[in-house]
PDB file of all heavy atoms in Angstrom:
ATOM      1  N   LEU A   1      85.446  56.978  75.744  1.00  0.00           N
ATOM      2  CA  LEU A   1      83.999  57.149  75.538  1.00  0.00           C
ATOM      3  C   LEU A   1      83.766  57.329  74.065  1.00  0.00           C
ATOM      4  O   LEU A   1      82.667  57.023  73.487  1.00  0.00           O
ATOM      5  CB  LEU A   1      83.476  58.349  76.314  1.00  0.00           C
ATOM      6  CG  LEU A   1      83.335  58.092  77.802  1.00  0.00           C
ATOM      7  CD1 LEU A   1      82.984  59.431  78.495  1.00  0.00           C
ATOM      8  CD2 LEU A   1      82.231  57.056  78.050  1.00  0.00           C
ATOM      9  N   SER A   2      84.697  58.002  73.305  1.00  0.00           N
ATOM     10  CA  SER A   2      84.491  58.248  71.913  1.00  0.00           C
ATOM     11  C   SER A   2      84.934  57.001  71.058  1.00  0.00           C
ATOM     12  O   SER A   2      84.775  57.061  69.806  1.00  0.00           O
ATOM     13  CB  SER A   2      85.305  59.482  71.500  1.00  0.00           C
ATOM     14  OG  SER A   2      86.686  59.150  71.554  1.00  0.00           O
ATOM     15  N   GLY A   3      85.492  56.004  71.718  1.00  0.00           N
ATOM     16  CA  GLY A   3      85.912  54.828  70.966  1.00  0.00           C
ATOM     17  C   GLY A   3      87.301  54.859  70.375  1.00  0.00           C
ATOM     18  O   GLY A   3      87.706  54.018  69.683  1.00  0.00           O
ATOM     19  N   ARG A   4      88.034  55.934  70.750  1.00  0.00           N
ATOM     20  CA  ARG A   4      89.384  56.075  70.242  1.00  0.00           C
ATOM     21  C   ARG A   4      90.387  55.297  71.040  1.00  0.00           C
ATOM     22  O   ARG A   4      91.519  55.085  70.685  1.00  0.00           O
ATOM     23  CB  ARG A   4      89.877  57.613  70.251  1.00  0.00           C
ATOM     24  CG  ARG A   4      89.112  58.388  69.203  1.00  0.00           C
ATOM     25  CD  ARG A   4      89.549  59.795  69.173  1.00  0.00           C
ATOM     26  NE  ARG A   4      89.647  60.345  70.560  1.00  0.00           N
ATOM     27  CZ  ARG A   4      88.991  61.464  70.945  1.00  0.00           C
ATOM     28  NH1 ARG A   4      88.325  62.196  70.109  1.00  0.00           N
ATOM     29  NH2 ARG A   4      89.085  61.886  72.180  1.00  0.00           N
ATOM     30  N   ALA A   5      89.991  54.791  72.235  1.00  0.00           N
ATOM     31  CA  ALA A   5      90.794  54.002  73.162  1.00  0.00           C
ATOM     32  C   ALA A   5      90.173  52.776  73.552  1.00  0.00           C
ATOM     33  O   ALA A   5      88.954  52.722  73.888  1.00  0.00           O
ATOM     34  CB  ALA A   5      91.203  54.804  74.394  1.00  0.00           C
ATOM     35  N   SER A   6      90.895  51.628  73.495  1.00  0.00           N
ATOM     36  CA  SER A   6      90.225  50.373  73.780  1.00  0.00           C
ATOM     37  C   SER A   6      90.298  50.068  75.292  1.00  0.00           C
ATOM     38  O   SER A   6      89.489  49.308  75.821  1.00  0.00           O
ATOM     39  CB  SER A   6      90.909  49.191  73.055  1.00  0.00           C
ATOM     40  OG  SER A   6      92.289  49.217  73.425  1.00  0.00           O
ATOM     41  N   ARG A   7      91.209  50.689  76.028  1.00  0.00           N
ATOM     42  CA  ARG A   7      91.266  50.534  77.457  1.00  0.00           C
ATOM     43  C   ARG A   7      91.878  51.808  78.138  1.00  0.00           C
ATOM     44  O   ARG A   7      92.530  52.588  77.443  1.00  0.00           O
ATOM     45  CB  ARG A   7      92.092  49.298  77.884  1.00  0.00           C
ATOM     46  CG  ARG A   7      93.581  49.441  77.606  1.00  0.00           C
ATOM     47  CD  ARG A   7      94.224  48.179  78.067  1.00  0.00           C
ATOM     48  NE  ARG A   7      95.641  48.311  78.087  1.00  0.00           N
ATOM     49  CZ  ARG A   7      96.386  48.737  79.110  1.00  0.00           C
ATOM     50  NH1 ARG A   7      95.797  49.183  80.217  1.00  0.00           N
ATOM     51  NH2 ARG A   7      97.698  48.880  79.099  1.00  0.00           N
ATOM     52  N   ILE A   8      91.619  51.929  79.399  1.00  0.00           N
ATOM     53  CA  ILE A   8      92.224  53.055  80.085  1.00  0.00           C
ATOM     54  C   ILE A   8      93.052  52.578  81.287  1.00  0.00           C
ATOM     55  O   ILE A   8      92.642  51.713  81.991  1.00  0.00           O
ATOM     56  CB  ILE A   8      91.048  53.930  80.785  1.00  0.00           C
ATOM     57  CG1 ILE A   8      90.096  54.331  79.646  1.00  0.00           C
ATOM     58  CG2 ILE A   8      91.626  55.099  81.496  1.00  0.00           C
ATOM     59  CD1 ILE A   8      88.849  55.090  80.205  1.00  0.00           C
ATOM     60  N   ASP A   9      94.339  52.994  81.277  1.00  0.00           N
ATOM     61  CA  ASP A   9      95.244  52.546  82.283  1.00  0.00           C
ATOM     62  C   ASP A   9      94.652  52.762  83.668  1.00  0.00           C
ATOM     63  O   ASP A   9      94.112  53.826  83.891  1.00  0.00           O
ATOM     64  CB  ASP A   9      96.590  53.314  82.203  1.00  0.00           C
ATOM     65  CG  ASP A   9      97.328  52.936  80.938  1.00  0.00           C
ATOM     66  OD1 ASP A   9      97.078  51.841  80.437  1.00  0.00           O
ATOM     67  OD2 ASP A   9      98.196  53.709  80.539  1.00  0.00           O
ATOM     68  N   GLY A  10      94.737  51.789  84.539  1.00  0.00           N
ATOM     69  CA  GLY A  10      94.240  51.911  85.872  1.00  0.00           C
ATOM     70  C   GLY A  10      92.820  51.671  86.026  1.00  0.00           C
ATOM     71  O   GLY A  10      92.147  51.752  87.078  1.00  0.00           O
ATOM     72  N   MET A  11      92.066  51.349  84.915  1.00  0.00           N
ATOM     73  CA  MET A  11      90.617  51.116  84.977  1.00  0.00           C
ATOM     74  C   MET A  11      90.284  49.833  84.194  1.00  0.00           C
ATOM     75  O   MET A  11      89.284  49.799  83.512  1.00  0.00           O
ATOM     76  CB  MET A  11      89.859  52.305  84.386  1.00  0.00           C
ATOM     77  CG  MET A  11      89.946  53.600  85.112  1.00  0.00           C
ATOM     78  SD  MET A  11      88.995  54.823  84.458  1.00  0.00           S
ATOM     79  CE  MET A  11      89.289  56.165  85.600  1.00  0.00           C
ATOM     80  N   SER A  12      91.098  48.816  84.398  1.00  0.00           N
ATOM     81  CA  SER A  12      90.833  47.555  83.630  1.00  0.00           C
ATOM     82  C   SER A  12      89.542  46.931  84.013  1.00  0.00           C
ATOM     83  O   SER A  12      88.994  46.134  83.229  1.00  0.00           O
ATOM     84  CB  SER A  12      91.982  46.602  83.897  1.00  0.00           C
ATOM     85  OG  SER A  12      92.165  46.386  85.304  1.00  0.00           O
ATOM     86  N   TRP A  13      89.042  47.208  85.220  1.00  0.00           N
ATOM     87  CA  TRP A  13      87.729  46.682  85.676  1.00  0.00           C
ATOM     88  C   TRP A  13      86.606  47.041  84.758  1.00  0.00           C
ATOM     89  O   TRP A  13      85.558  46.362  84.724  1.00  0.00           O
ATOM     90  CB  TRP A  13      87.432  47.064  87.094  1.00  0.00           C
ATOM     91  CG  TRP A  13      87.473  48.523  87.236  1.00  0.00           C
ATOM     92  CD1 TRP A  13      88.471  49.365  87.640  1.00  0.00           C
ATOM     93  CD2 TRP A  13      86.292  49.424  87.126  1.00  0.00           C
ATOM     94  NE1 TRP A  13      88.092  50.700  87.686  1.00  0.00           N
ATOM     95  CE2 TRP A  13      86.774  50.735  87.372  1.00  0.00           C
ATOM     96  CE3 TRP A  13      84.922  49.262  86.751  1.00  0.00           C
ATOM     97  CZ2 TRP A  13      85.944  51.858  87.406  1.00  0.00           C
ATOM     98  CZ3 TRP A  13      84.146  50.404  86.795  1.00  0.00           C
ATOM     99  CH2 TRP A  13      84.576  51.634  87.023  1.00  0.00           C
ATOM    100  N   LEU A  14      86.742  48.082  83.935  1.00  0.00           N
ATOM    101  CA  LEU A  14      85.650  48.530  83.040  1.00  0.00           C
ATOM    102  C   LEU A  14      85.431  47.610  81.952  1.00  0.00           C
ATOM    103  O   LEU A  14      84.334  47.582  81.365  1.00  0.00           O
ATOM    104  CB  LEU A  14      85.972  49.910  82.565  1.00  0.00           C
ATOM    105  CG  LEU A  14      85.811  51.051  83.566  1.00  0.00           C
ATOM    106  CD1 LEU A  14      86.314  52.364  83.058  1.00  0.00           C
ATOM    107  CD2 LEU A  14      84.396  51.238  83.999  1.00  0.00           C
ATOM    108  N   GLY A  15      86.425  46.837  81.601  1.00  0.00           N
ATOM    109  CA  GLY A  15      86.247  45.875  80.431  1.00  0.00           C
ATOM    110  C   GLY A  15      85.155  44.908  80.713  1.00  0.00           C
ATOM    111  O   GLY A  15      84.449  44.411  79.711  1.00  0.00           O
ATOM    112  N   ALA A  16      84.919  44.503  81.858  1.00  0.00           N
ATOM    113  CA  ALA A  16      83.874  43.490  82.209  1.00  0.00           C
ATOM    114  C   ALA A  16      82.459  44.169  82.316  1.00  0.00           C
ATOM    115  O   ALA A  16      81.471  43.481  82.367  1.00  0.00           O
ATOM    116  CB  ALA A  16      84.174  42.824  83.495  1.00  0.00           C
ATOM    117  N   ARG A  17      82.373  45.428  82.365  1.00  0.00           N
ATOM    118  CA  ARG A  17      81.094  46.112  82.492  1.00  0.00           C
ATOM    119  C   ARG A  17      80.407  46.278  81.176  1.00  0.00           C
ATOM    120  O   ARG A  17      81.059  46.462  80.146  1.00  0.00           O
ATOM    121  CB  ARG A  17      81.334  47.508  83.107  1.00  0.00           C
ATOM    122  CG  ARG A  17      82.017  47.559  84.435  1.00  0.00           C
ATOM    123  CD  ARG A  17      80.959  47.530  85.486  1.00  0.00           C
ATOM    124  NE  ARG A  17      81.668  47.601  86.763  1.00  0.00           N
ATOM    125  CZ  ARG A  17      81.196  48.202  87.795  1.00  0.00           C
ATOM    126  NH1 ARG A  17      80.051  48.759  87.739  1.00  0.00           N
ATOM    127  NH2 ARG A  17      81.823  48.170  88.923  1.00  0.00           N
ATOM    128  N   LYS A  18      79.144  46.117  81.173  1.00  0.00           N
ATOM    129  CA  LYS A  18      78.330  46.345  79.982  1.00  0.00           C
ATOM    130  C   LYS A  18      78.010  47.782  79.692  1.00  0.00           C
ATOM    131  O   LYS A  18      77.865  48.194  78.533  1.00  0.00           O
ATOM    132  CB  LYS A  18      77.004  45.518  80.094  1.00  0.00           C
ATOM    133  CG  LYS A  18      77.253  44.055  80.149  1.00  0.00           C
ATOM    134  CD  LYS A  18      75.965  43.284  80.166  1.00  0.00           C
ATOM    135  CE  LYS A  18      76.416  41.777  80.204  1.00  0.00           C
ATOM    136  NZ  LYS A  18      75.476  40.888  80.066  1.00  0.00           N
ATOM    137  N   ASN A  19      77.828  48.542  80.776  1.00  0.00           N
ATOM    138  CA  ASN A  19      77.477  49.971  80.577  1.00  0.00           C
ATOM    139  C   ASN A  19      78.738  50.845  80.775  1.00  0.00           C
ATOM    140  O   ASN A  19      78.846  51.598  81.684  1.00  0.00           O
ATOM    141  CB  ASN A  19      76.399  50.398  81.577  1.00  0.00           C
ATOM    142  CG  ASN A  19      75.893  51.734  81.347  1.00  0.00           C
ATOM    143  OD1 ASN A  19      76.282  52.399  80.414  1.00  0.00           O
ATOM    144  ND2 ASN A  19      75.052  52.187  82.255  1.00  0.00           N
ATOM    145  N   PHE A  20      79.641  50.754  79.799  1.00  0.00           N
ATOM    146  CA  PHE A  20      80.909  51.380  79.820  1.00  0.00           C
ATOM    147  C   PHE A  20      80.698  52.943  79.953  1.00  0.00           C
ATOM    148  O   PHE A  20      81.286  53.569  80.848  1.00  0.00           O
ATOM    149  CB  PHE A  20      81.635  51.060  78.478  1.00  0.00           C
ATOM    150  CG  PHE A  20      83.052  51.533  78.480  1.00  0.00           C
ATOM    151  CD1 PHE A  20      84.021  50.974  79.296  1.00  0.00           C
ATOM    152  CD2 PHE A  20      83.458  52.530  77.605  1.00  0.00           C
ATOM    153  CE1 PHE A  20      85.359  51.371  79.227  1.00  0.00           C
ATOM    154  CE2 PHE A  20      84.749  52.974  77.551  1.00  0.00           C
ATOM    155  CZ  PHE A  20      85.705  52.367  78.344  1.00  0.00           C
ATOM    156  N   ALA A  21      79.914  53.546  79.103  1.00  0.00           N
ATOM    157  CA  ALA A  21      79.718  54.927  79.147  1.00  0.00           C
ATOM    158  C   ALA A  21      79.022  55.355  80.369  1.00  0.00           C
ATOM    159  O   ALA A  21      79.386  56.421  81.016  1.00  0.00           O
ATOM    160  CB  ALA A  21      78.868  55.395  77.902  1.00  0.00           C
ATOM    161  N   GLY A  22      78.097  54.585  80.921  1.00  0.00           N
ATOM    162  CA  GLY A  22      77.372  54.907  82.144  1.00  0.00           C
ATOM    163  C   GLY A  22      78.275  54.891  83.341  1.00  0.00           C
ATOM    164  O   GLY A  22      78.096  55.630  84.252  1.00  0.00           O
ATOM    165  N   ASP A  23      79.310  54.036  83.306  1.00  0.00           N
ATOM    166  CA  ASP A  23      80.258  53.974  84.346  1.00  0.00           C
ATOM    167  C   ASP A  23      81.203  55.129  84.417  1.00  0.00           C
ATOM    168  O   ASP A  23      81.686  55.578  85.411  1.00  0.00           O
ATOM    169  CB  ASP A  23      81.081  52.700  84.353  1.00  0.00           C
ATOM    170  CG  ASP A  23      80.164  51.468  84.584  1.00  0.00           C
ATOM    171  OD1 ASP A  23      79.192  51.622  85.339  1.00  0.00           O
ATOM    172  OD2 ASP A  23      80.505  50.419  84.113  1.00  0.00           O
ATOM    173  N   LEU A  24      81.572  55.538  83.218  1.00  0.00           N
ATOM    174  CA  LEU A  24      82.576  56.639  83.016  1.00  0.00           C
ATOM    175  C   LEU A  24      82.002  58.046  83.135  1.00  0.00           C
ATOM    176  O   LEU A  24      82.711  58.974  83.521  1.00  0.00           O
ATOM    177  CB  LEU A  24      83.392  56.408  81.718  1.00  0.00           C
ATOM    178  CG  LEU A  24      84.356  55.270  81.674  1.00  0.00           C
ATOM    179  CD1 LEU A  24      84.958  55.207  80.307  1.00  0.00           C
ATOM    180  CD2 LEU A  24      85.380  55.402  82.749  1.00  0.00           C
ATOM    181  N   ALA A  25      80.811  58.225  82.713  1.00  0.00           N
ATOM    182  CA  ALA A  25      80.237  59.588  82.679  1.00  0.00           C
ATOM    183  C   ALA A  25      80.311  60.340  83.995  1.00  0.00           C
ATOM    184  O   ALA A  25      80.684  61.497  84.044  1.00  0.00           O
ATOM    185  CB  ALA A  25      78.817  59.492  82.122  1.00  0.00           C
TER     186      ALA A  25
END
């Protein structure tokens, strides 16, 4: 969420989402 990581292990599906923060919050 802070932009320090480009991907999260086990959550590769988030790369295709436009609302990254909204999905993770």
